[in-house]
Amino acid sequence: MRGYPGKARISQEHADIPGMRTVQDGQTGAEVPLSEEQLELIRRLQRGNFGDVGFDPYEPAVDFFSHEVRIHPVTNRPADKRSFIPSLVEKEKVSKLVHAIKMGWIQPRKPKENVPTFYDLWAREDPNSVLGRHKMHVPAPKIPLPGHAESYNPPPEFLLSPEEQLAWEQQDPAERRPSFIPRKFRSLRAVPAYSRFIHERFERCLDLYLCPRQRRMRIYRGHSSLVRTLSVSPSGQWLVSGDNVICGSYDSKLAWFDLDLSTRPYRLLRHHGRAVRAVAFHRRFPLFASGSDDGSVIVCHGMVLRGHAARLQLGVLDVAFHPQQPWLFSAGADGTLRLYA
């Protein structure tokens, strides 16, 4: 819209003058008069409004493609022939990829490891898990199984009398045994929700988290060479409770440990002339035997049995007691098994 100096010549006070409502045509140079609708359109554009009065910018949009599945496509233009023939550019790209794969420059994507978001508190309890197979793993103590007092219908002797209940309430919470008051119900459906369930589970988690657990290792030193064999008495858990252990080694010594006394050997028996290959306890009788490369089997406290012949500087390789009878079996390098009764 151009005027004398190229600007708009429209104003409210000159709106009725025909010469003041014209614009100059850039192609013909003629003055073109403006109508009322055109003037209103110019005013709306100057105010920053939309040109169309009836245009609603907030009306709901109508999707061109329907959400319903149709049997016919929107466009049914057939594919070109060139779309079925690989181009030279595609051939070059494929050749580069094949060469990179052969040279090992392109590797397949490794599967991502599923890292747990939260710490699994019971992962070490599963023997098939990585944490469960850890050699130095110390499992957490188990929760004791519920007894008769925790039943919904406990025997009368487990119910507290009024005097016992009063004494229980006056005790310190850490000293209460049991930590709850046993109650009796007619049926399992009549048992209400346990009010201290979340509190006890939280205390259990705190005990597992704050309680330190460690494995104490004990080293028994008594030999100066390789320890070849070891035997623990099976008549009682002696190694766990601390009793008697015997072991032999290549230095021809038989070490007898009494774990109740010391970690040093209680006795060092030097009855064999060569390496001790096997030792064994009897399950019922207070006997233990040792076999050596000198071909002898010594039963303590008893006798020396000589029956095997040395072969290739090897003698008795293993000994074992009968589980019920006072019989001794021995295996030697001479290819024989011998029974001593």
Protein backbone atom coordinates (compact mmCIF):
# COMPACT_ATOMS: atom_id res chain seq x y z
CA MET A 1 0.00 0.00 0.00
CA ARG A 2 1.72 3.09 -1.27
CA GLY A 3 0.98 6.85 -1.04
CA TYR A 4 2.78 9.96 -2.13
CA PRO A 5 6.13 9.02 -0.54
CA GLY A 6 5.40 5.23 -0.66
CA LYS A 7 3.60 4.93 2.70
CA ALA A 8 -0.01 4.16 3.67
CA ARG A 9 -2.32 7.16 3.39
CA ILE A 10 -5.17 5.86 5.48
CA SER A 11 -6.36 7.56 8.62
CA GLN A 12 -9.58 7.71 10.58
CA GLU A 13 -10.26 11.41 9.85
CA HIS A 14 -9.74 10.97 6.08
CA ALA A 15 -11.65 7.72 5.78
CA ASP A 16 -14.52 9.36 3.83
CA ILE A 17 -12.25 10.94 1.22
CA PRO A 18 -12.02 8.63 -1.83
CA GLY A 19 -8.47 9.69 -2.60
CA MET A 20 -7.26 8.75 0.86
CA ARG A 21 -8.50 5.12 0.57
CA THR A 22 -6.41 4.07 -2.44
CA VAL A 23 -3.23 2.13 -2.99
CA GLN A 24 -0.87 2.33 -5.91
CA ASP A 25 -0.57 -0.71 -8.16
CA GLY A 26 3.09 -1.57 -8.63
CA GLN A 27 2.61 -2.93 -12.17
CA THR A 28 0.28 -0.36 -13.73
CA GLY A 29 0.89 2.61 -11.41
CA ALA A 30 -2.86 3.22 -11.09
CA GLU A 31 -4.57 4.14 -7.84
CA VAL A 32 -6.78 1.28 -6.69
CA PRO A 33 -9.54 2.19 -4.19
CA LEU A 34 -9.96 -0.01 -1.10
CA SER A 35 -13.27 -1.34 0.13
CA GLU A 36 -14.44 -1.50 3.73
CA GLU A 37 -13.60 -5.21 3.97
CA GLN A 38 -10.08 -4.60 2.70
CA LEU A 39 -9.57 -1.75 5.16
CA GLU A 40 -10.78 -3.91 8.03
CA LEU A 41 -8.36 -6.65 6.90
CA ILE A 42 -5.48 -4.15 6.94
CA ARG A 43 -6.39 -2.96 10.43
CA ARG A 44 -6.53 -6.55 11.73
CA LEU A 45 -3.13 -7.35 10.26
CA GLN A 46 -1.66 -4.18 11.79
CA ARG A 47 -2.97 -5.26 15.23
CA GLY A 48 -1.41 -8.71 14.79
CA ASN A 49 -4.69 -10.58 14.41
CA PHE A 50 -5.68 -13.20 11.88
CA GLY A 51 -6.93 -11.92 8.54
CA ASP A 52 -10.11 -13.98 8.56
CA VAL A 53 -12.58 -12.89 11.21
CA GLY A 54 -14.16 -16.33 11.42
CA PHE A 55 -10.84 -18.22 11.84
CA ASP A 56 -10.57 -20.13 15.16
CA PRO A 57 -6.96 -21.05 16.02
CA TYR A 58 -8.12 -23.31 18.86
CA GLU A 59 -10.58 -25.48 17.01
CA PRO A 60 -9.98 -29.27 17.24
CA ALA A 61 -7.67 -30.57 14.55
CA VAL A 62 -9.04 -33.10 12.11
CA ASP A 63 -6.57 -35.87 11.28
CA PHE A 64 -6.28 -36.52 7.59
CA PHE A 65 -5.67 -40.23 8.15
CA SER A 66 -8.47 -42.04 9.93
CA HIS A 67 -7.74 -44.09 13.03
CA GLU A 68 -9.81 -46.88 11.57
CA VAL A 69 -8.00 -49.57 9.57
CA ARG A 70 -8.87 -49.38 5.87
CA ILE A 71 -8.52 -52.06 3.24
CA HIS A 72 -7.27 -49.63 0.59
CA PRO A 73 -4.13 -47.49 0.85
CA VAL A 74 -4.20 -43.70 0.78
CA THR A 75 -2.15 -43.72 -2.41
CA ASN A 76 -2.10 -46.70 -4.73
CA ARG A 77 0.72 -45.60 -6.98
CA PRO A 78 2.68 -48.63 -8.22
CA ALA A 79 6.39 -48.89 -7.42
CA ASP A 80 8.93 -47.94 -10.06
CA LYS A 81 11.10 -50.52 -11.78
CA ARG A 82 14.22 -48.84 -10.51
CA SER A 83 13.15 -49.57 -6.93
CA PHE A 84 13.70 -53.31 -7.55
CA ILE A 85 17.20 -52.92 -9.05
CA PRO A 86 20.07 -52.11 -6.63
CA SER A 87 21.93 -49.01 -7.65
CA LEU A 88 25.68 -48.66 -7.92
CA VAL A 89 25.75 -46.47 -4.81
CA GLU A 90 23.98 -49.16 -2.79
CA LYS A 91 26.37 -51.78 -4.15
CA GLU A 92 29.34 -49.69 -3.04
CA LYS A 93 27.89 -49.26 0.47
CA VAL A 94 27.26 -53.00 0.80
CA SER A 95 30.80 -53.77 -0.38
CA LYS A 96 32.24 -51.45 2.28
CA LEU A 97 30.16 -53.11 5.00
CA VAL A 98 31.23 -56.61 3.90
CA HIS A 99 34.90 -55.59 3.89
CA ALA A 100 34.58 -54.03 7.36
CA ILE A 101 32.97 -57.21 8.72
CA LYS A 102 35.73 -59.39 7.25
CA MET A 103 38.43 -57.16 8.73
CA GLY A 104 36.74 -57.23 12.13
CA TRP A 105 36.06 -53.51 12.23
CA ILE A 106 32.33 -54.05 12.70
CA GLN A 107 31.35 -56.27 15.61
CA PRO A 108 27.86 -57.40 16.57
CA ARG A 109 26.34 -55.64 19.50
CA LYS A 110 26.97 -57.31 22.81
CA PRO A 111 23.86 -58.11 24.83
CA LYS A 112 23.40 -55.68 27.65
CA GLU A 113 23.73 -57.04 31.14
CA ASN A 114 20.62 -56.80 33.23
CA VAL A 115 21.86 -54.84 36.22
CA PRO A 116 19.36 -55.00 39.07
CA THR A 117 18.04 -51.62 40.07
CA PHE A 118 17.74 -52.57 43.73
CA TYR A 119 20.09 -54.56 45.93
CA ASP A 120 18.90 -58.15 46.29
CA LEU A 121 19.15 -58.97 49.97
CA TRP A 122 18.72 -62.73 49.46
CA ALA A 123 20.92 -63.16 46.37
CA ARG A 124 23.58 -64.98 48.39
CA GLU A 125 21.04 -67.58 49.51
CA ASP A 126 20.67 -68.96 45.97
CA PRO A 127 23.46 -71.52 45.37
CA ASN A 128 23.16 -71.02 41.59
CA SER A 129 23.84 -67.28 41.72
CA VAL A 130 27.28 -65.70 41.42
CA LEU A 131 27.13 -64.37 44.96
CA GLY A 132 25.97 -67.74 46.24
CA ARG A 133 28.98 -69.52 44.69
CA HIS A 134 31.46 -67.17 46.34
CA LYS A 135 33.98 -69.16 48.34
CA MET A 136 34.17 -66.69 51.20
CA HIS A 137 30.42 -66.19 51.44
CA VAL A 138 28.99 -66.23 54.96
CA PRO A 139 25.21 -66.74 54.78
CA ALA A 140 22.92 -64.67 56.96
CA PRO A 141 21.34 -66.41 59.95
CA LYS A 142 17.91 -67.83 59.30
CA ILE A 143 14.80 -66.67 61.11
CA PRO A 144 13.73 -69.32 63.64
CA LEU A 145 10.63 -71.23 62.69
CA PRO A 146 7.41 -70.27 64.50
CA GLY A 147 6.58 -72.28 67.61
CA HIS A 148 3.37 -73.20 69.39
CA ALA A 149 3.13 -69.76 71.02
CA GLU A 150 2.73 -68.12 67.59
CA SER A 151 -0.21 -70.32 66.64
CA TYR A 152 -3.69 -68.83 66.33
CA ASN A 153 -4.90 -71.59 68.68
CA PRO A 154 -1.97 -72.24 71.06
CA PRO A 155 -2.12 -74.77 73.90
CA PRO A 156 -3.28 -73.38 77.27
CA GLU A 157 0.21 -73.57 78.78
CA PHE A 158 1.47 -70.99 76.25
CA LEU A 159 -1.17 -68.39 77.15
CA LEU A 160 -0.12 -65.78 79.70
CA SER A 161 -2.05 -65.32 82.91
CA PRO A 162 -2.99 -61.78 84.05
CA GLU A 163 -0.04 -61.74 86.47
CA GLU A 164 2.37 -62.94 83.78
CA GLN A 165 1.01 -60.44 81.29
CA LEU A 166 1.46 -57.59 83.80
CA ALA A 167 5.04 -58.68 84.48
CA TRP A 168 5.64 -58.94 80.71
CA GLU A 169 4.41 -55.38 80.16
CA GLN A 170 6.67 -54.04 82.93
CA GLN A 171 9.79 -55.55 81.37
CA ASP A 172 12.08 -53.73 78.97
CA PRO A 173 11.07 -54.37 75.31
CA ALA A 174 14.50 -55.88 74.62
CA GLU A 175 14.11 -58.39 77.49
CA ARG A 176 10.58 -59.62 76.74
CA ARG A 177 10.37 -63.33 76.00
CA PRO A 178 8.42 -63.85 73.87
CA SER A 179 8.33 -60.47 72.16
CA PHE A 180 4.53 -60.68 71.76
CA ILE A 181 1.52 -61.77 73.81
CA PRO A 182 0.11 -65.12 72.60
CA ARG A 183 -3.60 -64.95 71.79
CA LYS A 184 -6.21 -67.56 71.03
CA PHE A 185 -8.81 -67.38 68.25
CA ARG A 186 -11.65 -69.65 67.26
CA SER A 187 -10.54 -69.97 63.63
CA LEU A 188 -7.83 -68.72 61.30
CA ARG A 189 -10.29 -66.35 59.60
CA ALA A 190 -10.82 -64.54 62.91
CA VAL A 191 -7.11 -63.60 63.20
CA PRO A 192 -6.71 -59.82 62.68
CA ALA A 193 -3.79 -58.11 60.97
CA TYR A 194 -0.55 -58.13 62.93
CA SER A 195 0.10 -54.54 64.02
CA ARG A 196 3.89 -55.01 64.46
CA PHE A 197 4.51 -56.77 61.13
CA ILE A 198 6.20 -53.82 59.36
CA HIS A 199 8.16 -52.93 62.50
CA GLU A 200 9.54 -56.46 62.89
CA ARG A 201 10.43 -56.72 59.19
CA PHE A 202 12.28 -53.41 59.46
CA GLU A 203 14.21 -54.62 62.51
CA ARG A 204 15.11 -57.81 60.63
CA CYS A 205 16.49 -55.77 57.73
CA LEU A 206 18.50 -53.65 60.17
CA ASP A 207 19.95 -56.77 61.78
CA LEU A 208 21.01 -58.16 58.39
CA TYR A 209 22.52 -54.85 57.34
CA LEU A 210 24.29 -53.85 60.55
CA CYS A 211 25.37 -57.25 61.86
CA PRO A 212 28.99 -57.90 60.76
CA ARG A 213 29.77 -61.41 59.56
CA GLN A 214 33.27 -62.74 58.96
CA ARG A 215 34.98 -66.05 58.40
CA ARG A 216 37.76 -66.86 60.86
CA MET A 217 40.58 -68.79 59.24
CA ARG A 218 42.91 -71.02 61.27
CA ILE A 219 46.21 -72.20 59.83
CA TYR A 220 47.73 -75.37 61.27
CA ARG A 221 51.49 -75.37 60.81
CA GLY A 222 53.38 -78.58 61.51
CA HIS A 223 54.91 -79.83 58.24
CA SER A 224 57.88 -78.63 56.28
CA SER A 225 56.81 -80.12 52.91
CA LEU A 226 53.68 -80.77 50.84
CA VAL A 227 50.64 -82.00 52.78
CA ARG A 228 49.51 -85.02 50.79
CA THR A 229 46.41 -86.23 52.61
CA LEU A 230 44.11 -85.40 55.50
CA SER A 231 41.58 -87.36 57.53
CA VAL A 232 39.10 -86.16 60.14
CA SER A 233 37.45 -88.41 62.69
CA PRO A 234 33.80 -89.01 61.66
CA SER A 235 32.61 -90.13 65.12
CA GLY A 236 31.81 -86.51 66.04
CA GLN A 237 32.25 -83.14 64.37
CA TRP A 238 35.74 -82.85 65.72
CA LEU A 239 37.05 -80.35 63.24
CA VAL A 240 34.15 -78.00 63.90
CA SER A 241 34.00 -78.43 67.66
CA GLY A 242 37.77 -78.68 67.99
CA ASP A 243 39.09 -82.16 68.71
CA ASN A 244 41.56 -84.42 66.86
CA VAL A 245 42.88 -84.19 63.32
CA ILE A 246 45.65 -86.25 61.72
CA CYS A 247 47.43 -85.51 58.47
CA GLY A 248 50.49 -86.79 56.67
CA SER A 249 52.90 -85.22 54.21
CA TYR A 250 55.92 -85.93 52.02
CA ASP A 251 58.34 -85.27 54.88
CA SER A 252 57.40 -88.73 56.30
CA LYS A 253 55.77 -87.16 59.34
CA LEU A 254 52.33 -87.88 60.73
CA ALA A 255 50.97 -84.80 62.54
CA TRP A 256 48.36 -85.31 65.25
CA PHE A 257 46.46 -82.10 66.11
CA ASP A 258 44.38 -81.68 69.24
CA LEU A 259 42.39 -78.56 68.47
CA ASP A 260 41.36 -78.10 72.08
CA LEU A 261 44.97 -77.52 73.08
CA SER A 262 46.71 -75.56 70.34
CA THR A 263 47.08 -75.01 66.63
CA ARG A 264 50.49 -76.67 66.83
CA PRO A 265 50.72 -80.48 66.47
CA TYR A 266 50.02 -82.43 69.66
CA ARG A 267 52.28 -85.27 68.45
CA LEU A 268 54.62 -85.69 65.48
CA LEU A 269 54.90 -89.38 64.61
CA ARG A 270 58.02 -90.26 62.64
CA HIS A 271 57.42 -93.99 62.18
CA HIS A 272 57.59 -93.98 58.38
CA GLY A 273 60.78 -93.74 56.40
CA ARG A 274 59.28 -92.14 53.30
CA ALA A 275 56.35 -89.91 52.30
CA VAL A 276 52.98 -90.49 53.98
CA ARG A 277 50.36 -91.03 51.27
CA ALA A 278 47.11 -91.64 53.19
CA VAL A 279 45.61 -91.46 56.67
CA ALA A 280 42.24 -92.64 57.96
CA PHE A 281 40.16 -92.71 61.15
CA HIS A 282 37.97 -95.62 62.18
CA ARG A 283 34.30 -94.75 62.58
CA ARG A 284 33.69 -96.76 65.76
CA PHE A 285 37.01 -97.64 67.36
CA PRO A 286 39.77 -95.27 68.57
CA LEU A 287 42.10 -96.22 65.73
CA PHE A 288 43.75 -94.33 62.93
CA ALA A 289 46.05 -95.63 60.22
CA SER A 290 48.66 -94.18 57.89
CA GLY A 291 50.15 -95.52 54.65
CA SER A 292 53.57 -94.58 53.30
CA ASP A 293 55.80 -95.05 50.27
CA ASP A 294 57.98 -97.38 52.33
CA GLY A 295 55.26 -100.03 51.86
CA SER A 296 54.08 -100.07 55.47
CA VAL A 297 50.75 -99.31 57.10
CA ILE A 298 50.87 -98.21 60.74
CA VAL A 299 47.78 -98.48 62.93
CA CYS A 300 47.92 -96.26 66.00
CA HIS A 301 47.89 -97.53 68.65
CA GLY A 302 48.32 -101.06 67.39
CA MET A 303 50.67 -102.71 64.94
CA VAL A 304 52.76 -102.18 61.83
CA LEU A 305 51.44 -104.09 58.79
CA ARG A 306 53.84 -104.92 55.97
CA GLY A 307 52.35 -106.48 52.88
CA HIS A 308 52.84 -104.15 49.90
CA ALA A 309 55.94 -104.02 47.76
CA ALA A 310 57.37 -100.71 46.59
CA ARG A 311 57.06 -99.95 42.87
CA LEU A 312 58.66 -96.92 41.20
CA GLN A 313 59.47 -95.50 44.63
CA LEU A 314 55.78 -95.68 45.55
CA GLY A 315 54.26 -97.87 48.23
CA VAL A 316 50.88 -97.62 49.96
CA LEU A 317 48.74 -95.02 48.20
CA ASP A 318 45.54 -95.14 50.24
CA VAL A 319 44.08 -96.70 53.38
CA ALA A 320 40.50 -96.98 54.64
CA PHE A 321 38.76 -98.58 57.61
CA HIS A 322 35.66 -100.74 57.45
CA PRO A 323 32.68 -98.69 58.72
CA GLN A 324 31.55 -101.40 61.19
CA GLN A 325 34.33 -103.95 61.71
CA PRO A 326 37.92 -103.34 62.90
CA TRP A 327 39.22 -104.14 59.41
CA LEU A 328 41.69 -102.10 57.41
CA PHE A 329 41.95 -101.90 53.61
CA SER A 330 45.03 -100.62 51.81
CA ALA A 331 45.84 -99.89 48.16
CA GLY A 332 49.43 -100.07 46.93
CA ALA A 333 51.53 -99.20 43.93
CA ASP A 334 52.07 -102.94 43.34
CA GLY A 335 48.50 -103.18 42.02
CA THR A 336 47.03 -105.05 45.00
CA LEU A 337 44.37 -104.35 47.60
CA ARG A 338 44.98 -105.88 51.02
CA LEU A 339 42.68 -106.53 53.96
CA TYR A 340 44.04 -106.56 57.51
CA ALA A 341 41.76 -108.03 60.19
